[in-house]
Amino acid sequence: MSEHLPNHDCNNFIKKVFLVLDGELPDNDRKLFIQDIERCKGCLEHYDIEKSFKDFINAKFDRKSCSKELKKEIITKISQLQAT
């Protein structure tokens, strides 16, 4: 399938790598991107580093939610500020 890919452009890789990692490219475009960078060892290594870093951050990031009471208090204070 790589014969259908355009010539590899490392600058194009830089523009798309974060879109791919953030899931902002359609699935078909993501697959073509991966096939494209597999032809360039430097881009593939860079992609792997960025992906590993993003995975590490996501694993360490602990999402916490505030209590319903705190949410209600915040909404009340915002409403009061908007009224003034």
PDB file of N, CA and C in Angstrom:
ATOM      1  N   MET A   1       0.808  -1.190   0.000  1.00  0.00           N
ATOM      2  CA  MET A   1       0.000   0.000   0.000  1.00  0.00           C
ATOM      3  C   MET A   1       0.856   1.261   0.000  1.00  0.00           C
ATOM      4  N   SER A   2       2.133   1.164   0.407  1.00  0.00           N
ATOM      5  CA  SER A   2       2.989   2.336   0.468  1.00  0.00           C
ATOM      6  C   SER A   2       3.226   2.949  -0.906  1.00  0.00           C
ATOM      7  N   GLU A   3       2.994   2.205  -1.984  1.00  0.00           N
ATOM      8  CA  GLU A   3       3.165   2.781  -3.303  1.00  0.00           C
ATOM      9  C   GLU A   3       2.131   3.863  -3.593  1.00  0.00           C
ATOM     10  N   HIS A   4       1.044   3.920  -2.827  1.00  0.00           N
ATOM     11  CA  HIS A   4       0.015   4.938  -2.992  1.00  0.00           C
ATOM     12  C   HIS A   4       0.290   6.170  -2.135  1.00  0.00           C
ATOM     13  N   LEU A   5       1.310   6.116  -1.326  1.00  0.00           N
ATOM     14  CA  LEU A   5       1.639   7.242  -0.452  1.00  0.00           C
ATOM     15  C   LEU A   5       2.484   8.259  -1.210  1.00  0.00           C
ATOM     16  N   PRO A   6       2.285   9.542  -0.920  1.00  0.00           N
ATOM     17  CA  PRO A   6       3.140  10.561  -1.545  1.00  0.00           C
ATOM     18  C   PRO A   6       4.553  10.473  -0.976  1.00  0.00           C
ATOM     19  N   ASN A   7       5.472  11.211  -1.576  1.00  0.00           N
ATOM     20  CA  ASN A   7       6.833  11.245  -1.053  1.00  0.00           C
ATOM     21  C   ASN A   7       6.788  11.716   0.396  1.00  0.00           C
ATOM     22  N   HIS A   8       7.611  11.112   1.228  1.00  0.00           N
ATOM     23  CA  HIS A   8       7.632  11.456   2.651  1.00  0.00           C
ATOM     24  C   HIS A   8       8.210  12.860   2.839  1.00  0.00           C
ATOM     25  N   ASP A   9       7.588  13.637   3.718  1.00  0.00           N
ATOM     26  CA  ASP A   9       8.023  14.995   4.036  1.00  0.00           C
ATOM     27  C   ASP A   9       8.068  15.125   5.554  1.00  0.00           C
ATOM     28  N   CYS A  10       9.269  15.215   6.116  1.00  0.00           N
ATOM     29  CA  CYS A  10       9.421  15.294   7.572  1.00  0.00           C
ATOM     30  C   CYS A  10       8.725  16.527   8.147  1.00  0.00           C
ATOM     31  N   ASN A  11       8.664  17.623   7.409  1.00  0.00           N
ATOM     32  CA  ASN A  11       7.971  18.815   7.894  1.00  0.00           C
ATOM     33  C   ASN A  11       6.478  18.551   8.050  1.00  0.00           C
ATOM     34  N   ASN A  12       5.909  17.770   7.153  1.00  0.00           N
ATOM     35  CA  ASN A  12       4.501  17.410   7.238  1.00  0.00           C
ATOM     36  C   ASN A  12       4.251  16.547   8.478  1.00  0.00           C
ATOM     37  N   PHE A  13       5.214  15.722   8.822  1.00  0.00           N
ATOM     38  CA  PHE A  13       5.111  14.890  10.024  1.00  0.00           C
ATOM     39  C   PHE A  13       4.937  15.770  11.255  1.00  0.00           C
ATOM     40  N   ILE A  14       5.762  16.788  11.372  1.00  0.00           N
ATOM     41  CA  ILE A  14       5.719  17.677  12.535  1.00  0.00           C
ATOM     42  C   ILE A  14       4.346  18.314  12.673  1.00  0.00           C
ATOM     43  N   LYS A  15       3.737  18.673  11.558  1.00  0.00           N
ATOM     44  CA  LYS A  15       2.424  19.324  11.588  1.00  0.00           C
ATOM     45  C   LYS A  15       1.333  18.371  12.068  1.00  0.00           C
ATOM     46  N   LYS A  16       1.491  17.067  11.807  1.00  0.00           N
ATOM     47  CA  LYS A  16       0.410  16.122  12.090  1.00  0.00           C
ATOM     48  C   LYS A  16       0.586  15.283  13.347  1.00  0.00           C
ATOM     49  N   VAL A  17       1.784  15.187  13.887  1.00  0.00           N
ATOM     50  CA  VAL A  17       2.027  14.241  14.976  1.00  0.00           C
ATOM     51  C   VAL A  17       1.113  14.484  16.180  1.00  0.00           C
ATOM     52  N   PHE A  18       0.925  15.723  16.567  1.00  0.00           N
ATOM     53  CA  PHE A  18       0.089  15.983  17.740  1.00  0.00           C
ATOM     54  C   PHE A  18      -1.388  15.803  17.427  1.00  0.00           C
ATOM     55  N   LEU A  19      -1.787  16.050  16.183  1.00  0.00           N
ATOM     56  CA  LEU A  19      -3.168  15.782  15.791  1.00  0.00           C
ATOM     57  C   LEU A  19      -3.469  14.297  15.899  1.00  0.00           C
ATOM     58  N   VAL A  20      -2.510  13.482  15.485  1.00  0.00           N
ATOM     59  CA  VAL A  20      -2.679  12.024  15.573  1.00  0.00           C
ATOM     60  C   VAL A  20      -2.735  11.591  17.033  1.00  0.00           C
ATOM     61  N   LEU A  21      -1.807  12.063  17.835  1.00  0.00           N
ATOM     62  CA  LEU A  21      -1.743  11.653  19.235  1.00  0.00           C
ATOM     63  C   LEU A  21      -2.952  12.125  20.032  1.00  0.00           C
ATOM     64  N   ASP A  22      -3.535  13.250  19.638  1.00  0.00           N
ATOM     65  CA  ASP A  22      -4.714  13.763  20.333  1.00  0.00           C
ATOM     66  C   ASP A  22      -6.011  13.208  19.767  1.00  0.00           C
ATOM     67  N   GLY A  23      -5.901  12.336  18.755  1.00  0.00           N
ATOM     68  CA  GLY A  23      -7.092  11.725  18.169  1.00  0.00           C
ATOM     69  C   GLY A  23      -7.918  12.696  17.345  1.00  0.00           C
ATOM     70  N   GLU A  24      -7.285  13.712  16.774  1.00  0.00           N
ATOM     71  CA  GLU A  24      -8.006  14.736  16.030  1.00  0.00           C
ATOM     72  C   GLU A  24      -7.999  14.520  14.521  1.00  0.00           C
ATOM     73  N   LEU A  25      -7.405  13.421  14.057  1.00  0.00           N
ATOM     74  CA  LEU A  25      -7.450  13.101  12.635  1.00  0.00           C
ATOM     75  C   LEU A  25      -8.418  11.950  12.422  1.00  0.00           C
ATOM     76  N   PRO A  26      -9.147  11.969  11.313  1.00  0.00           N
ATOM     77  CA  PRO A  26     -10.012  10.821  11.009  1.00  0.00           C
ATOM     78  C   PRO A  26      -9.186   9.537  10.935  1.00  0.00           C
ATOM     79  N   ASP A  27      -9.820   8.424  11.211  1.00  0.00           N
ATOM     80  CA  ASP A  27      -9.135   7.130  11.289  1.00  0.00           C
ATOM     81  C   ASP A  27      -8.338   6.824  10.019  1.00  0.00           C
ATOM     82  N   ASN A  28      -8.905   7.087   8.856  1.00  0.00           N
ATOM     83  CA  ASN A  28      -8.210   6.800   7.603  1.00  0.00           C
ATOM     84  C   ASN A  28      -6.952   7.650   7.457  1.00  0.00           C
ATOM     85  N   ASP A  29      -7.041   8.945   7.815  1.00  0.00           N
ATOM     86  CA  ASP A  29      -5.873   9.828   7.763  1.00  0.00           C
ATOM     87  C   ASP A  29      -4.811   9.390   8.758  1.00  0.00           C
ATOM     88  N   ARG A  30      -5.242   8.927   9.921  1.00  0.00           N
ATOM     89  CA  ARG A  30      -4.292   8.449  10.933  1.00  0.00           C
ATOM     90  C   ARG A  30      -3.538   7.226  10.418  1.00  0.00           C
ATOM     91  N   LYS A  31      -4.254   6.310   9.774  1.00  0.00           N
ATOM     92  CA  LYS A  31      -3.606   5.106   9.227  1.00  0.00           C
ATOM     93  C   LYS A  31      -2.590   5.473   8.152  1.00  0.00           C
ATOM     94  N   LEU A  32      -2.955   6.409   7.277  1.00  0.00           N
ATOM     95  CA  LEU A  32      -2.021   6.856   6.245  1.00  0.00           C
ATOM     96  C   LEU A  32      -0.802   7.530   6.862  1.00  0.00           C
ATOM     97  N   PHE A  33      -1.022   8.308   7.918  1.00  0.00           N
ATOM     98  CA  PHE A  33       0.076   8.975   8.617  1.00  0.00           C
ATOM     99  C   PHE A  33       1.053   7.941   9.173  1.00  0.00           C
ATOM    100  N   ILE A  34       0.518   6.918   9.828  1.00  0.00           N
ATOM    101  CA  ILE A  34       1.376   5.875  10.410  1.00  0.00           C
ATOM    102  C   ILE A  34       2.150   5.151   9.314  1.00  0.00           C
ATOM    103  N   GLN A  35       1.483   4.805   8.221  1.00  0.00           N
ATOM    104  CA  GLN A  35       2.177   4.152   7.099  1.00  0.00           C
ATOM    105  C   GLN A  35       3.278   5.049   6.551  1.00  0.00           C
ATOM    106  N   ASP A  36       3.006   6.334   6.469  1.00  0.00           N
ATOM    107  CA  ASP A  36       3.982   7.285   5.942  1.00  0.00           C
ATOM    108  C   ASP A  36       5.207   7.365   6.840  1.00  0.00           C
ATOM    109  N   ILE A  37       5.007   7.530   8.151  1.00  0.00           N
ATOM    110  CA  ILE A  37       6.177   7.712   9.028  1.00  0.00           C
ATOM    111  C   ILE A  37       6.969   6.425   9.211  1.00  0.00           C
ATOM    112  N   GLU A  38       6.364   5.284   8.926  1.00  0.00           N
ATOM    113  CA  GLU A  38       7.113   4.031   9.018  1.00  0.00           C
ATOM    114  C   GLU A  38       8.234   3.967   7.978  1.00  0.00           C
ATOM    115  N   ARG A  39       8.184   4.849   7.001  1.00  0.00           N
ATOM    116  CA  ARG A  39       9.226   4.892   5.969  1.00  0.00           C
ATOM    117  C   ARG A  39      10.414   5.749   6.382  1.00  0.00           C
ATOM    118  N   CYS A  40      10.277   6.494   7.488  1.00  0.00           N
ATOM    119  CA  CYS A  40      11.347   7.395   7.930  1.00  0.00           C
ATOM    120  C   CYS A  40      11.696   7.055   9.383  1.00  0.00           C
ATOM    121  N   LYS A  41      12.874   6.498   9.588  1.00  0.00           N
ATOM    122  CA  LYS A  41      13.284   6.074  10.928  1.00  0.00           C
ATOM    123  C   LYS A  41      13.272   7.229  11.928  1.00  0.00           C
ATOM    124  N   GLY A  42      13.720   8.402  11.516  1.00  0.00           N
ATOM    125  CA  GLY A  42      13.762   9.559  12.418  1.00  0.00           C
ATOM    126  C   GLY A  42      12.373   9.988  12.856  1.00  0.00           C
ATOM    127  N   CYS A  43      11.435  10.042  11.906  1.00  0.00           N
ATOM    128  CA  CYS A  43      10.060  10.447  12.236  1.00  0.00           C
ATOM    129  C   CYS A  43       9.385   9.393  13.109  1.00  0.00           C
ATOM    130  N   LEU A  44       9.632   8.129  12.803  1.00  0.00           N
ATOM    131  CA  LEU A  44       9.035   7.056  13.598  1.00  0.00           C
ATOM    132  C   LEU A  44       9.556   7.093  15.035  1.00  0.00           C
ATOM    133  N   GLU A  45      10.845   7.322  15.203  1.00  0.00           N
ATOM    134  CA  GLU A  45      11.415   7.425  16.553  1.00  0.00           C
ATOM    135  C   GLU A  45      10.835   8.636  17.289  1.00  0.00           C
ATOM    136  N   HIS A  46      10.701   9.751  16.591  1.00  0.00           N
ATOM    137  CA  HIS A  46      10.135  10.955  17.203  1.00  0.00           C
ATOM    138  C   HIS A  46       8.686  10.706  17.617  1.00  0.00           C
ATOM    139  N   TYR A  47       7.931  10.050  16.759  1.00  0.00           N
ATOM    140  CA  TYR A  47       6.536   9.713  17.066  1.00  0.00           C
ATOM    141  C   TYR A  47       6.472   8.823  18.318  1.00  0.00           C
ATOM    142  N   ASP A  48       7.324   7.813  18.370  1.00  0.00           N
ATOM    143  CA  ASP A  48       7.337   6.907  19.527  1.00  0.00           C
ATOM    144  C   ASP A  48       7.667   7.654  20.822  1.00  0.00           C
ATOM    145  N   ILE A  49       8.593   8.599  20.754  1.00  0.00           N
ATOM    146  CA  ILE A  49       8.949   9.389  21.938  1.00  0.00           C
ATOM    147  C   ILE A  49       7.760  10.239  22.375  1.00  0.00           C
ATOM    148  N   GLU A  50       7.141  10.939  21.436  1.00  0.00           N
ATOM    149  CA  GLU A  50       5.988  11.781  21.767  1.00  0.00           C
ATOM    150  C   GLU A  50       4.837  10.950  22.326  1.00  0.00           C
ATOM    151  N   LYS A  51       4.591   9.780  21.733  1.00  0.00           N
ATOM    152  CA  LYS A  51       3.511   8.908  22.197  1.00  0.00           C
ATOM    153  C   LYS A  51       3.811   8.397  23.602  1.00  0.00           C
ATOM    154  N   SER A  52       5.044   7.985  23.841  1.00  0.00           N
ATOM    155  CA  SER A  52       5.429   7.499  25.168  1.00  0.00           C
ATOM    156  C   SER A  52       5.276   8.591  26.216  1.00  0.00           C
ATOM    157  N   PHE A  53       5.679   9.810  25.875  1.00  0.00           N
ATOM    158  CA  PHE A  53       5.559  10.921  26.809  1.00  0.00           C
ATOM    159  C   PHE A  53       4.092  11.209  27.113  1.00  0.00           C
ATOM    160  N   LYS A  54       3.258  11.249  26.086  1.00  0.00           N
ATOM    161  CA  LYS A  54       1.824  11.502  26.275  1.00  0.00           C
ATOM    162  C   LYS A  54       1.200  10.391  27.126  1.00  0.00           C
ATOM    163  N   ASP A  55       1.547   9.144  26.853  1.00  0.00           N
ATOM    164  CA  ASP A  55       1.032   8.022  27.644  1.00  0.00           C
ATOM    165  C   ASP A  55       1.470   8.126  29.103  1.00  0.00           C
ATOM    166  N   PHE A  56       2.727   8.521  29.329  1.00  0.00           N
ATOM    167  CA  PHE A  56       3.246   8.683  30.680  1.00  0.00           C
ATOM    168  C   PHE A  56       2.468   9.757  31.429  1.00  0.00           C
ATOM    169  N   ILE A  57       2.274  10.900  30.790  1.00  0.00           N
ATOM    170  CA  ILE A  57       1.539  12.007  31.425  1.00  0.00           C
ATOM    171  C   ILE A  57       0.113  11.577  31.742  1.00  0.00           C
ATOM    172  N   ASN A  58      -0.537  10.922  30.795  1.00  0.00           N
ATOM    173  CA  ASN A  58      -1.916  10.473  31.024  1.00  0.00           C
ATOM    174  C   ASN A  58      -2.004   9.475  32.171  1.00  0.00           C
ATOM    175  N   ALA A  59      -0.996   8.631  32.313  1.00  0.00           N
ATOM    176  CA  ALA A  59      -0.996   7.638  33.387  1.00  0.00           C
ATOM    177  C   ALA A  59      -0.797   8.301  34.752  1.00  0.00           C
ATOM    178  N   LYS A  60      -0.039   9.383  34.788  1.00  0.00           N
ATOM    179  CA  LYS A  60       0.253  10.063  36.053  1.00  0.00           C
ATOM    180  C   LYS A  60      -0.795  11.094  36.432  1.00  0.00           C
ATOM    181  N   PHE A  61      -1.582  11.525  35.470  1.00  0.00           N
ATOM    182  CA  PHE A  61      -2.578  12.568  35.696  1.00  0.00           C
ATOM    183  C   PHE A  61      -3.796  11.946  36.369  1.00  0.00           C
ATOM    184  N   ASP A  62      -4.096  12.405  37.555  1.00  0.00           N
ATOM    185  CA  ASP A  62      -5.217  11.871  38.319  1.00  0.00           C
ATOM    186  C   ASP A  62      -6.364  12.870  38.265  1.00  0.00           C
ATOM    187  N   ARG A  63      -7.413  12.498  37.571  1.00  0.00           N
ATOM    188  CA  ARG A  63      -8.562  13.398  37.457  1.00  0.00           C
ATOM    189  C   ARG A  63      -9.406  13.288  38.712  1.00  0.00           C
ATOM    190  N   LYS A  64      -9.651  14.444  39.301  1.00  0.00           N
ATOM    191  CA  LYS A  64     -10.477  14.484  40.499  1.00  0.00           C
ATOM    192  C   LYS A  64     -11.630  15.438  40.249  1.00  0.00           C
ATOM    193  N   SER A  65     -12.737  15.102  40.813  1.00  0.00           N
ATOM    194  CA  SER A  65     -13.920  15.936  40.674  1.00  0.00           C
ATOM    195  C   SER A  65     -14.238  16.548  42.035  1.00  0.00           C
ATOM    196  N   CYS A  66     -14.720  17.779  41.995  1.00  0.00           N
ATOM    197  CA  CYS A  66     -15.079  18.400  43.260  1.00  0.00           C
ATOM    198  C   CYS A  66     -16.473  17.937  43.677  1.00  0.00           C
ATOM    199  N   SER A  67     -16.789  18.160  44.922  1.00  0.00           N
ATOM    200  CA  SER A  67     -18.070  17.713  45.463  1.00  0.00           C
ATOM    201  C   SER A  67     -19.223  18.496  44.852  1.00  0.00           C
ATOM    202  N   LYS A  68     -20.416  17.944  44.944  1.00  0.00           N
ATOM    203  CA  LYS A  68     -21.611  18.618  44.443  1.00  0.00           C
ATOM    204  C   LYS A  68     -21.846  19.928  45.189  1.00  0.00           C
ATOM    205  N   GLU A  69     -21.534  19.929  46.477  1.00  0.00           N
ATOM    206  CA  GLU A  69     -21.708  21.139  47.278  1.00  0.00           C
ATOM    207  C   GLU A  69     -20.793  22.257  46.773  1.00  0.00           C
ATOM    208  N   LEU A  70     -19.546  21.910  46.485  1.00  0.00           N
ATOM    209  CA  LEU A  70     -18.604  22.911  45.989  1.00  0.00           C
ATOM    210  C   LEU A  70     -19.047  23.426  44.621  1.00  0.00           C
ATOM    211  N   LYS A  71     -19.494  22.537  43.745  1.00  0.00           N
ATOM    212  CA  LYS A  71     -19.991  22.961  42.434  1.00  0.00           C
ATOM    213  C   LYS A  71     -21.156  23.940  42.587  1.00  0.00           C
ATOM    214  N   LYS A  72     -22.084  23.611  43.499  1.00  0.00           N
ATOM    215  CA  LYS A  72     -23.244  24.471  43.721  1.00  0.00           C
ATOM    216  C   LYS A  72     -22.805  25.839  44.239  1.00  0.00           C
ATOM    217  N   GLU A  73     -21.847  25.853  45.164  1.00  0.00           N
ATOM    218  CA  GLU A  73     -21.343  27.108  45.722  1.00  0.00           C
ATOM    219  C   GLU A  73     -20.674  27.963  44.646  1.00  0.00           C
ATOM    220  N   ILE A  74     -19.921  27.342  43.778  1.00  0.00           N
ATOM    221  CA  ILE A  74     -19.254  28.067  42.691  1.00  0.00           C
ATOM    222  C   ILE A  74     -20.286  28.676  41.745  1.00  0.00           C
ATOM    223  N   ILE A  75     -21.287  27.894  41.384  1.00  0.00           N
ATOM    224  CA  ILE A  75     -22.343  28.387  40.493  1.00  0.00           C
ATOM    225  C   ILE A  75     -23.088  29.549  41.139  1.00  0.00           C
ATOM    226  N   THR A  76     -23.361  29.447  42.427  1.00  0.00           N
ATOM    227  CA  THR A  76     -24.041  30.527  43.143  1.00  0.00           C
ATOM    228  C   THR A  76     -23.199  31.798  43.121  1.00  0.00           C
ATOM    229  N   LYS A  77     -21.913  31.682  43.394  1.00  0.00           N
ATOM    230  CA  LYS A  77     -21.033  32.854  43.403  1.00  0.00           C
ATOM    231  C   LYS A  77     -20.916  33.475  42.014  1.00  0.00           C
ATOM    232  N   ILE A  78     -20.863  32.661  40.990  1.00  0.00           N
ATOM    233  CA  ILE A  78     -20.813  33.194  39.620  1.00  0.00           C
ATOM    234  C   ILE A  78     -22.103  33.936  39.313  1.00  0.00           C
ATOM    235  N   SER A  79     -23.218  33.360  39.704  1.00  0.00           N
ATOM    236  CA  SER A  79     -24.517  34.018  39.479  1.00  0.00           C
ATOM    237  C   SER A  79     -24.569  35.353  40.206  1.00  0.00           C
ATOM    238  N   GLN A  80     -24.042  35.400  41.415  1.00  0.00           N
ATOM    239  CA  GLN A  80     -24.029  36.646  42.178  1.00  0.00           C
ATOM    240  C   GLN A  80     -23.143  37.691  41.502  1.00  0.00           C
ATOM    241  N   LEU A  81     -22.011  37.263  40.958  1.00  0.00           N
ATOM    242  CA  LEU A  81     -21.123  38.184  40.270  1.00  0.00           C
ATOM    243  C   LEU A  81     -21.771  38.732  38.998  1.00  0.00           C
ATOM    244  N   GLN A  82     -22.485  37.870  38.309  1.00  0.00           N
ATOM    245  CA  GLN A  82     -23.153  38.296  37.087  1.00  0.00           C
ATOM    246  C   GLN A  82     -24.287  39.266  37.364  1.00  0.00           C
ATOM    247  N   ALA A  83     -24.913  39.150  38.532  1.00  0.00           N
ATOM    248  CA  ALA A  83     -26.039  40.018  38.909  1.00  0.00           C
ATOM    249  C   ALA A  83     -25.564  41.420  39.270  1.00  0.00           C
ATOM    250  N   THR A  84     -24.297  41.567  39.649  1.00  0.00           N
ATOM    251  CA  THR A  84     -23.802  42.888  40.059  1.00  0.00           C
ATOM    252  C   THR A  84     -23.267  43.679  38.899  1.00  0.00           C
TER     253      THR A  84
END
